[in-house]
N, C-alpha and C. Protein backbone atom coordinates (compact mmCIF):
# COMPACT_ATOMS: atom_id res chain seq x y z
N LEU A 1 103.22 106.88 79.25
CA LEU A 1 103.19 107.01 77.89
C LEU A 1 104.52 107.08 77.36
N LEU A 2 104.64 106.61 76.10
CA LEU A 2 105.64 106.12 75.36
C LEU A 2 105.50 107.07 74.59
N GLY A 3 106.93 107.86 74.66
CA GLY A 3 107.41 108.72 73.41
C GLY A 3 108.05 109.90 73.66
N ARG A 4 108.64 110.78 72.76
CA ARG A 4 109.54 111.73 73.11
C ARG A 4 109.23 113.60 73.67
N GLY A 5 110.72 113.80 74.41
CA GLY A 5 109.74 115.11 74.46
C GLY A 5 109.59 115.32 75.74
N LYS A 6 109.36 117.27 76.60
CA LYS A 6 109.50 117.41 78.06
C LYS A 6 107.70 116.85 77.64
N SER A 7 106.75 116.92 76.75
CA SER A 7 105.39 116.69 77.17
C SER A 7 105.13 114.99 77.87
N TYR A 8 106.02 114.48 77.09
CA TYR A 8 106.15 112.88 77.40
C TYR A 8 106.87 113.15 79.17
N GLN A 9 107.99 113.34 79.18
CA GLN A 9 108.75 112.89 80.27
C GLN A 9 107.61 113.62 81.41
N ALA A 10 107.08 114.55 81.32
CA ALA A 10 106.47 115.42 82.58
C ALA A 10 105.25 114.98 82.59
N HIS A 11 104.87 113.67 81.97
CA HIS A 11 103.47 113.28 82.29
C HIS A 11 103.20 113.07 83.59
N PRO A 12 102.16 112.94 83.91
CA PRO A 12 102.16 112.36 85.78
C PRO A 12 102.58 111.19 86.12
N GLY A 13 102.14 110.21 84.58
CA GLY A 13 102.47 108.34 85.26
C GLY A 13 103.57 108.24 84.79
N ASN A 14 104.30 109.05 83.66
CA ASN A 14 105.91 108.57 83.18
C ASN A 14 106.84 109.23 84.76
N VAL A 15 106.24 110.56 85.31
CA VAL A 15 106.98 110.80 86.28
C VAL A 15 106.65 110.14 88.05
N ALA A 16 105.74 109.64 87.79
CA ALA A 16 105.56 108.11 88.94
C ALA A 16 106.57 106.64 88.57
N LEU A 17 106.74 106.78 87.16
CA LEU A 17 107.21 105.33 86.80
C LEU A 17 108.80 105.69 86.93
N LEU A 18 109.36 106.74 86.76
CA LEU A 18 110.99 107.42 86.94
C LEU A 18 110.77 107.40 88.62
N ASP A 19 109.93 107.40 89.41
CA ASP A 19 110.32 107.86 90.49
C ASP A 19 110.61 105.93 91.06
N ILE A 20 109.79 105.13 91.04
CA ILE A 20 109.43 104.05 91.12
C ILE A 20 110.81 103.47 90.49
N VAL A 21 111.26 103.80 89.69
CA VAL A 21 112.45 103.19 89.07
C VAL A 21 113.68 103.73 89.82
N ASP A 22 113.82 105.25 90.51
CA ASP A 22 114.78 105.61 90.88
C ASP A 22 114.93 104.96 92.36
N GLN A 23 113.90 104.48 92.67
CA GLN A 23 113.80 104.15 94.27
C GLN A 23 114.60 102.68 93.92
N SER A 24 114.89 101.99 93.01
CA SER A 24 115.07 100.02 92.91
C SER A 24 116.46 100.17 92.04
N LEU A 25 116.82 101.46 91.87
CA LEU A 25 117.69 101.91 90.81
C LEU A 25 119.03 100.95 91.10
N ALA A 26 119.34 100.96 93.04
CA ALA A 26 120.93 100.29 93.35
C ALA A 26 120.82 98.95 93.40
N GLN A 27 119.36 98.38 93.45
CA GLN A 27 119.15 96.28 93.26
C GLN A 27 119.26 96.32 92.10
N TYR A 28 118.56 97.08 91.14
CA TYR A 28 118.71 96.99 89.62
C TYR A 28 119.94 96.91 89.32
N ALA A 29 120.85 97.88 89.41
CA ALA A 29 122.64 97.69 88.56
C ALA A 29 123.50 96.87 89.47
N GLU A 30 123.07 96.11 90.76
CA GLU A 30 123.88 94.91 91.65
C GLU A 30 122.88 93.77 91.26
N GLY A 31 121.72 93.94 90.51
CA GLY A 31 121.46 92.25 89.83
C GLY A 31 121.59 91.76 89.32
N ASP A 32 121.10 90.66 88.51
CA ASP A 32 121.99 89.41 87.90
C ASP A 32 120.92 89.84 86.68
N LYS A 33 120.91 89.11 86.22
CA LYS A 33 119.43 88.79 84.80
C LYS A 33 118.06 88.38 85.10
N GLN A 34 118.41 87.27 86.18
CA GLN A 34 117.07 87.08 86.59
C GLN A 34 116.25 88.32 87.51
N THR A 35 117.57 88.71 88.69
CA THR A 35 116.97 89.65 89.56
C THR A 35 116.34 90.88 88.47
N ARG A 36 117.27 91.16 87.27
CA ARG A 36 116.22 92.33 86.95
C ARG A 36 115.27 92.06 86.62
N LYS A 37 115.18 90.81 85.65
CA LYS A 37 114.07 90.58 84.74
C LYS A 37 112.57 90.41 86.02
N VAL A 38 112.70 89.73 87.39
CA VAL A 38 111.88 90.02 88.38
C VAL A 38 111.25 91.49 88.92
N LEU A 39 112.94 92.64 89.03
CA LEU A 39 112.37 93.61 89.43
C LEU A 39 111.54 94.70 88.48
N LYS A 40 111.80 94.40 87.11
CA LYS A 40 110.96 95.32 86.14
C LYS A 40 109.63 94.39 86.25
N GLU A 41 109.22 93.46 86.36
CA GLU A 41 107.54 92.60 85.99
C GLU A 41 107.02 93.19 87.72
N GLN A 42 108.23 93.60 88.47
CA GLN A 42 107.26 93.63 89.99
C GLN A 42 107.16 95.43 89.51
N ILE A 43 107.70 96.36 89.02
CA ILE A 43 107.58 97.58 89.04
C ILE A 43 106.44 97.61 87.73
N MET A 44 106.24 96.64 86.99
CA MET A 44 104.49 96.89 85.90
C MET A 44 103.50 96.50 87.11
N GLU A 45 103.77 95.81 87.42
CA GLU A 45 102.68 94.89 88.75
C GLU A 45 102.35 96.20 89.66
N MET A 46 103.32 97.01 90.03
CA MET A 46 102.88 98.11 90.65
C MET A 46 102.26 99.20 89.97
N VAL A 47 102.57 99.79 88.70
CA VAL A 47 102.16 100.69 88.13
C VAL A 47 100.19 100.24 87.79
N LEU A 48 100.43 98.72 87.13
CA LEU A 48 98.87 98.23 86.74
C LEU A 48 98.21 98.64 87.85
N ASN A 49 98.56 98.42 88.99
CA ASN A 49 97.92 98.19 90.36
C ASN A 49 97.24 99.31 90.65
N GLN A 50 98.34 100.09 90.32
CA GLN A 50 97.76 101.81 91.00
C GLN A 50 96.65 102.23 90.15
N GLY A 51 96.34 101.53 89.16
CA GLY A 51 95.43 102.02 87.97
C GLY A 51 96.34 102.62 86.94
N GLY A 52 97.68 102.46 86.46
CA GLY A 52 98.32 103.07 85.54
C GLY A 52 98.43 102.38 84.24
N ARG A 53 98.62 102.30 83.00
CA ARG A 53 98.42 102.07 81.75
C ARG A 53 100.34 102.06 81.23
N PHE A 54 100.22 101.53 80.37
CA PHE A 54 101.65 101.65 79.47
C PHE A 54 101.18 101.74 78.05
N LEU A 55 100.99 103.21 77.29
CA LEU A 55 100.29 103.69 76.62
C LEU A 55 101.24 104.74 75.43
N ARG A 56 101.02 104.52 73.88
CA ARG A 56 101.53 105.11 73.07
C ARG A 56 100.34 105.53 72.41
N LEU A 57 100.54 106.49 71.32
CA LEU A 57 100.04 107.34 70.32
C LEU A 57 99.81 106.32 69.01
N SER A 58 98.54 106.30 68.75
CA SER A 58 98.76 104.91 67.27
C SER A 58 98.79 106.07 66.07
N ASP A 59 99.25 104.66 65.63
CA ASP A 59 99.86 105.76 64.34
C ASP A 59 99.09 106.47 63.39
N ASP A 60 98.02 106.75 63.38
CA ASP A 60 97.06 107.83 63.02
C ASP A 60 96.91 109.23 63.83
N GLY A 61 97.77 108.99 64.95
CA GLY A 61 97.72 110.17 65.90
C GLY A 61 96.31 110.47 66.67
N LEU A 62 95.71 109.47 66.45
CA LEU A 62 94.32 109.74 67.33
C LEU A 62 94.17 109.54 68.43
N ASP A 63 94.18 108.18 68.84
CA ASP A 63 93.69 107.82 69.75
C ASP A 63 94.79 106.73 70.80
N TRP A 64 94.89 106.19 71.53
CA TRP A 64 96.37 105.86 72.38
C TRP A 64 96.15 104.23 72.76
N GLU A 65 97.07 103.66 72.83
CA GLU A 65 96.59 102.60 72.49
C GLU A 65 98.04 101.59 73.58
N LEU A 66 97.19 100.36 74.36
CA LEU A 66 97.63 99.85 75.08
C LEU A 66 99.13 99.24 74.61
N LEU A 67 100.49 98.88 75.51
CA LEU A 67 101.55 98.24 74.93
C LEU A 67 101.72 97.37 75.37
N THR A 68 102.14 95.72 74.79
CA THR A 68 102.13 94.44 74.72
C THR A 68 103.25 94.84 76.62
N GLU A 69 102.79 93.54 76.87
CA GLU A 69 103.65 93.22 78.03
C GLU A 69 105.62 93.28 78.03
N ALA A 70 105.91 93.32 76.37
CA ALA A 70 107.13 93.02 76.39
C ALA A 70 107.51 94.57 76.14
N GLU A 71 106.89 95.57 75.24
CA GLU A 71 106.76 96.51 74.97
C GLU A 71 107.21 97.49 76.55
N ALA A 72 106.00 97.32 77.02
CA ALA A 72 106.08 97.53 78.83
C ALA A 72 107.73 97.73 79.24
N CYS A 73 107.64 96.14 79.23
CA CYS A 73 108.94 95.84 80.10
C CYS A 73 110.41 96.95 78.67
N ARG A 74 110.42 96.57 77.71
CA ARG A 74 111.34 97.41 77.62
C ARG A 74 111.17 99.22 77.80
N LYS A 75 109.96 99.88 78.05
CA LYS A 75 110.15 100.87 78.46
C LYS A 75 110.93 101.00 80.22
N ILE A 76 110.20 100.19 80.86
CA ILE A 76 110.70 99.83 82.34
C ILE A 76 112.75 99.78 82.61
N ARG A 77 112.73 98.92 81.28
CA ARG A 77 114.40 98.73 81.19
C ARG A 77 114.97 99.75 80.74
N ASN A 78 114.59 100.55 79.83
CA ASN A 78 115.33 101.66 79.54
C ASN A 78 115.36 102.83 80.40
N ALA A 79 114.20 102.99 81.40
CA ALA A 79 113.91 103.65 82.08
C ALA A 79 115.03 103.84 83.17
N PHE A 80 115.48 102.78 83.70
CA PHE A 80 117.00 102.46 84.46
C PHE A 80 117.90 103.10 83.53
N ARG A 81 118.19 103.38 82.42
CA ARG A 81 119.53 104.02 81.66
C ARG A 81 119.64 105.38 82.18
């Protein structure tokens, strides 16, 4: 889930994403731009293959919307920070 605060941080999907990112942290830190891009794509593929989705709350706050591929990659990139 895309968002700020403890409720988002503690969400099982976000916790699982951070676990995957933690396992890849050294490889990401040592990699060049192309390596990092491939790594982000692999992580996105892992999440999607496990039935995960990248979501954000709609503007009206009533529904969840799928992130675009670029937005999901940005979320993964930010998780490496």
